[in-house]
Amino acid sequence: MPIIKSAKKRVRTATKAAVRNSKTKRSLKDAVKAFEAAVATGNAGKMNETLVVAQSAVDTAEKKNLIHKNKAARKKAQLAKIMKTAGGKLTKVTKKATPAKAAKPAAKKPTAKKAPAKKPAAKK
């Protein structure tokens, strides 16, 4: 167990990071397994949705430096190849419709600032 204060802090931060990293890795593995299960069933719509989720999970892991960028690219290519050999076609997945946001009122134009008044000279 560390004695120095900074070393104790490093232990705490390293544990937090390890938990964060393991969650991201687990979500990556789960997404890939879900895609492989969808391929096994042969449902084209499900395959497409899970492929998008799996590739997104790969990108997230890459962004957080959990996997190398070349490995991420290779993994995404492998997933697309599995999709292609299974007979699925990659189609654009649209997000669910969201209600239109209310228009914001026009921003007021900032007023021109006046130059500060000069202070009178001090008398001697």
C-alpha atoms as a PDB file:
ATOM      1  CA  MET A   1       0.000   0.000   0.000  1.00  0.00           C
ATOM      2  CA  PRO A   2       1.436   3.398  -0.914  1.00  0.00           C
ATOM      3  CA  ILE A   3       2.467   5.817   1.784  1.00  0.00           C
ATOM      4  CA  ILE A   4       2.930   8.992  -0.236  1.00  0.00           C
ATOM      5  CA  LYS A   5      -0.195  11.092  -0.800  1.00  0.00           C
ATOM      6  CA  SER A   6       0.237  11.369  -4.578  1.00  0.00           C
ATOM      7  CA  ALA A   7       0.731   7.610  -4.886  1.00  0.00           C
ATOM      8  CA  LYS A   8      -2.494   7.030  -2.958  1.00  0.00           C
ATOM      9  CA  LYS A   9      -4.296   9.308  -5.390  1.00  0.00           C
ATOM     10  CA  ARG A  10      -2.814   7.410  -8.341  1.00  0.00           C
ATOM     11  CA  VAL A  11      -4.226   4.174  -6.904  1.00  0.00           C
ATOM     12  CA  ARG A  12      -7.674   5.762  -6.614  1.00  0.00           C
ATOM     13  CA  THR A  13      -7.645   7.189 -10.134  1.00  0.00           C
ATOM     14  CA  ALA A  14      -6.265   3.977 -11.615  1.00  0.00           C
ATOM     15  CA  THR A  15      -9.099   1.991 -10.032  1.00  0.00           C
ATOM     16  CA  LYS A  16     -11.699   4.402 -11.423  1.00  0.00           C
ATOM     17  CA  ALA A  17     -10.132   4.183 -14.878  1.00  0.00           C
ATOM     18  CA  ALA A  18     -10.022   0.382 -14.713  1.00  0.00           C
ATOM     19  CA  VAL A  19     -13.740   0.250 -13.936  1.00  0.00           C
ATOM     20  CA  ARG A  20     -14.514   2.689 -16.760  1.00  0.00           C
ATOM     21  CA  ASN A  21     -12.379   0.741 -19.227  1.00  0.00           C
ATOM     22  CA  SER A  22     -13.871  -2.615 -18.268  1.00  0.00           C
ATOM     23  CA  LYS A  23     -17.401  -1.256 -18.799  1.00  0.00           C
ATOM     24  CA  THR A  24     -16.489  -0.014 -22.266  1.00  0.00           C
ATOM     25  CA  LYS A  25     -14.801  -3.299 -23.173  1.00  0.00           C
ATOM     26  CA  ARG A  26     -17.803  -5.258 -21.899  1.00  0.00           C
ATOM     27  CA  SER A  27     -20.226  -3.151 -23.964  1.00  0.00           C
ATOM     28  CA  LEU A  28     -18.024  -3.739 -27.018  1.00  0.00           C
ATOM     29  CA  LYS A  29     -18.056  -7.508 -26.493  1.00  0.00           C
ATOM     30  CA  ASP A  30     -21.813  -7.520 -25.866  1.00  0.00           C
ATOM     31  CA  ALA A  31     -22.500  -5.521 -29.041  1.00  0.00           C
ATOM     32  CA  VAL A  32     -20.371  -7.843 -31.182  1.00  0.00           C
ATOM     33  CA  LYS A  33     -22.024 -10.927 -29.675  1.00  0.00           C
ATOM     34  CA  ALA A  34     -25.479  -9.452 -30.300  1.00  0.00           C
ATOM     35  CA  PHE A  35     -24.528  -8.868 -33.931  1.00  0.00           C
ATOM     36  CA  GLU A  36     -23.247 -12.422 -34.306  1.00  0.00           C
ATOM     37  CA  ALA A  37     -26.477 -13.743 -32.763  1.00  0.00           C
ATOM     38  CA  ALA A  38     -28.527 -11.668 -35.208  1.00  0.00           C
ATOM     39  CA  VAL A  39     -26.486 -13.074 -38.104  1.00  0.00           C
ATOM     40  CA  ALA A  40     -27.164 -16.591 -36.830  1.00  0.00           C
ATOM     41  CA  THR A  41     -30.921 -15.954 -36.863  1.00  0.00           C
ATOM     42  CA  GLY A  42     -30.758 -14.445 -40.360  1.00  0.00           C
ATOM     43  CA  ASN A  43     -33.036 -11.488 -39.622  1.00  0.00           C
ATOM     44  CA  ALA A  44     -31.813  -8.773 -42.010  1.00  0.00           C
ATOM     45  CA  GLY A  45     -33.350  -5.858 -40.116  1.00  0.00           C
ATOM     46  CA  LYS A  46     -31.929  -7.018 -36.817  1.00  0.00           C
ATOM     47  CA  MET A  47     -28.532  -7.642 -38.421  1.00  0.00           C
ATOM     48  CA  ASN A  48     -28.386  -4.097 -39.750  1.00  0.00           C
ATOM     49  CA  GLU A  49     -29.332  -2.506 -36.426  1.00  0.00           C
ATOM     50  CA  THR A  50     -26.880  -4.593 -34.422  1.00  0.00           C
ATOM     51  CA  LEU A  51     -24.104  -3.961 -36.952  1.00  0.00           C
ATOM     52  CA  VAL A  52     -24.498  -0.216 -36.505  1.00  0.00           C
ATOM     53  CA  VAL A  53     -24.450  -0.610 -32.708  1.00  0.00           C
ATOM     54  CA  ALA A  54     -21.392  -2.886 -32.845  1.00  0.00           C
ATOM     55  CA  GLN A  55     -19.460  -0.528 -35.104  1.00  0.00           C
ATOM     56  CA  SER A  56     -20.372   2.366 -32.840  1.00  0.00           C
ATOM     57  CA  ALA A  57     -19.072   0.421 -29.839  1.00  0.00           C
ATOM     58  CA  VAL A  58     -15.814  -0.234 -31.709  1.00  0.00           C
ATOM     59  CA  ASP A  59     -15.492   3.485 -32.453  1.00  0.00           C
ATOM     60  CA  THR A  60     -16.118   4.354 -28.808  1.00  0.00           C
ATOM     61  CA  ALA A  61     -13.450   1.916 -27.635  1.00  0.00           C
ATOM     62  CA  GLU A  62     -11.038   3.383 -30.168  1.00  0.00           C
ATOM     63  CA  LYS A  63     -11.813   6.935 -29.089  1.00  0.00           C
ATOM     64  CA  LYS A  64     -11.084   6.029 -25.465  1.00  0.00           C
ATOM     65  CA  ASN A  65      -7.775   4.410 -26.501  1.00  0.00           C
ATOM     66  CA  LEU A  66      -8.830   0.944 -25.369  1.00  0.00           C
ATOM     67  CA  ILE A  67      -8.064  -0.547 -28.762  1.00  0.00           C
ATOM     68  CA  HIS A  68      -5.666   0.618 -31.448  1.00  0.00           C
ATOM     69  CA  LYS A  69      -7.090   2.488 -34.439  1.00  0.00           C
ATOM     70  CA  ASN A  70      -5.914  -0.218 -36.849  1.00  0.00           C
ATOM     71  CA  LYS A  71      -7.572  -2.910 -34.764  1.00  0.00           C
ATOM     72  CA  ALA A  72     -10.781  -0.885 -34.723  1.00  0.00           C
ATOM     73  CA  ALA A  73     -10.721  -0.519 -38.506  1.00  0.00           C
ATOM     74  CA  ARG A  74      -9.984  -4.220 -38.911  1.00  0.00           C
ATOM     75  CA  LYS A  75     -12.817  -5.195 -36.550  1.00  0.00           C
ATOM     76  CA  LYS A  76     -15.327  -2.978 -38.362  1.00  0.00           C
ATOM     77  CA  ALA A  77     -14.272  -4.461 -41.700  1.00  0.00           C
ATOM     78  CA  GLN A  78     -14.654  -7.988 -40.306  1.00  0.00           C
ATOM     79  CA  LEU A  79     -18.157  -7.192 -39.067  1.00  0.00           C
ATOM     80  CA  ALA A  80     -19.147  -5.745 -42.455  1.00  0.00           C
ATOM     81  CA  LYS A  81     -17.722  -8.815 -44.193  1.00  0.00           C
ATOM     82  CA  ILE A  82     -19.773 -11.117 -41.938  1.00  0.00           C
ATOM     83  CA  MET A  83     -22.851  -9.060 -42.783  1.00  0.00           C
ATOM     84  CA  LYS A  84     -22.106  -9.311 -46.504  1.00  0.00           C
ATOM     85  CA  THR A  85     -21.531 -13.087 -46.463  1.00  0.00           C
ATOM     86  CA  ALA A  86     -24.753 -13.555 -44.465  1.00  0.00           C
ATOM     87  CA  GLY A  87     -26.630 -11.938 -47.335  1.00  0.00           C
ATOM     88  CA  GLY A  88     -27.571  -8.759 -45.522  1.00  0.00           C
ATOM     89  CA  LYS A  89     -27.355  -5.333 -47.040  1.00  0.00           C
ATOM     90  CA  LEU A  90     -26.122  -2.387 -45.091  1.00  0.00           C
ATOM     91  CA  THR A  91     -28.836   0.233 -45.125  1.00  0.00           C
ATOM     92  CA  LYS A  92     -28.927   3.555 -43.407  1.00  0.00           C
ATOM     93  CA  VAL A  93     -30.514   3.283 -39.988  1.00  0.00           C
ATOM     94  CA  THR A  94     -32.670   6.275 -39.230  1.00  0.00           C
ATOM     95  CA  LYS A  95     -33.137   7.541 -35.741  1.00  0.00           C
ATOM     96  CA  LYS A  96     -36.592   7.710 -34.281  1.00  0.00           C
ATOM     97  CA  ALA A  97     -38.444  10.892 -35.096  1.00  0.00           C
ATOM     98  CA  THR A  98     -37.923  13.599 -32.532  1.00  0.00           C
ATOM     99  CA  PRO A  99     -40.398  16.427 -32.009  1.00  0.00           C
ATOM    100  CA  ALA A 100     -39.454  19.677 -33.688  1.00  0.00           C
ATOM    101  CA  LYS A 101     -37.731  22.067 -31.369  1.00  0.00           C
ATOM    102  CA  ALA A 102     -39.345  25.450 -30.799  1.00  0.00           C
ATOM    103  CA  ALA A 103     -37.623  28.281 -32.594  1.00  0.00           C
ATOM    104  CA  LYS A 104     -35.517  30.446 -30.336  1.00  0.00           C
ATOM    105  CA  PRO A 105     -36.305  34.164 -30.240  1.00  0.00           C
ATOM    106  CA  ALA A 106     -33.910  36.317 -32.186  1.00  0.00           C
ATOM    107  CA  ALA A 107     -30.862  37.280 -30.190  1.00  0.00           C
ATOM    108  CA  LYS A 108     -30.648  40.933 -29.227  1.00  0.00           C
ATOM    109  CA  LYS A 109     -27.924  42.911 -30.880  1.00  0.00           C
ATOM    110  CA  PRO A 110     -25.316  43.966 -28.327  1.00  0.00           C
ATOM    111  CA  THR A 111     -25.261  47.681 -27.685  1.00  0.00           C
ATOM    112  CA  ALA A 112     -22.161  49.639 -28.521  1.00  0.00           C
ATOM    113  CA  LYS A 113     -20.093  50.354 -25.432  1.00  0.00           C
ATOM    114  CA  LYS A 114     -19.135  53.936 -24.714  1.00  0.00           C
ATOM    115  CA  ALA A 115     -15.540  54.826 -23.992  1.00  0.00           C
ATOM    116  CA  PRO A 116     -14.925  55.335 -20.273  1.00  0.00           C
ATOM    117  CA  ALA A 117     -14.843  58.963 -19.149  1.00  0.00           C
ATOM    118  CA  LYS A 118     -11.419  60.392 -18.425  1.00  0.00           C
ATOM    119  CA  LYS A 119     -10.597  61.100 -14.821  1.00  0.00           C
ATOM    120  CA  PRO A 120      -9.674  64.651 -13.985  1.00  0.00           C
ATOM    121  CA  ALA A 121      -6.008  65.317 -13.500  1.00  0.00           C
ATOM    122  CA  ALA A 122      -4.827  65.397  -9.899  1.00  0.00           C
ATOM    123  CA  LYS A 123      -3.966  68.856  -8.527  1.00  0.00           C
ATOM    124  CA  LYS A 124      -0.546  69.425  -7.038  1.00  0.00           C
END
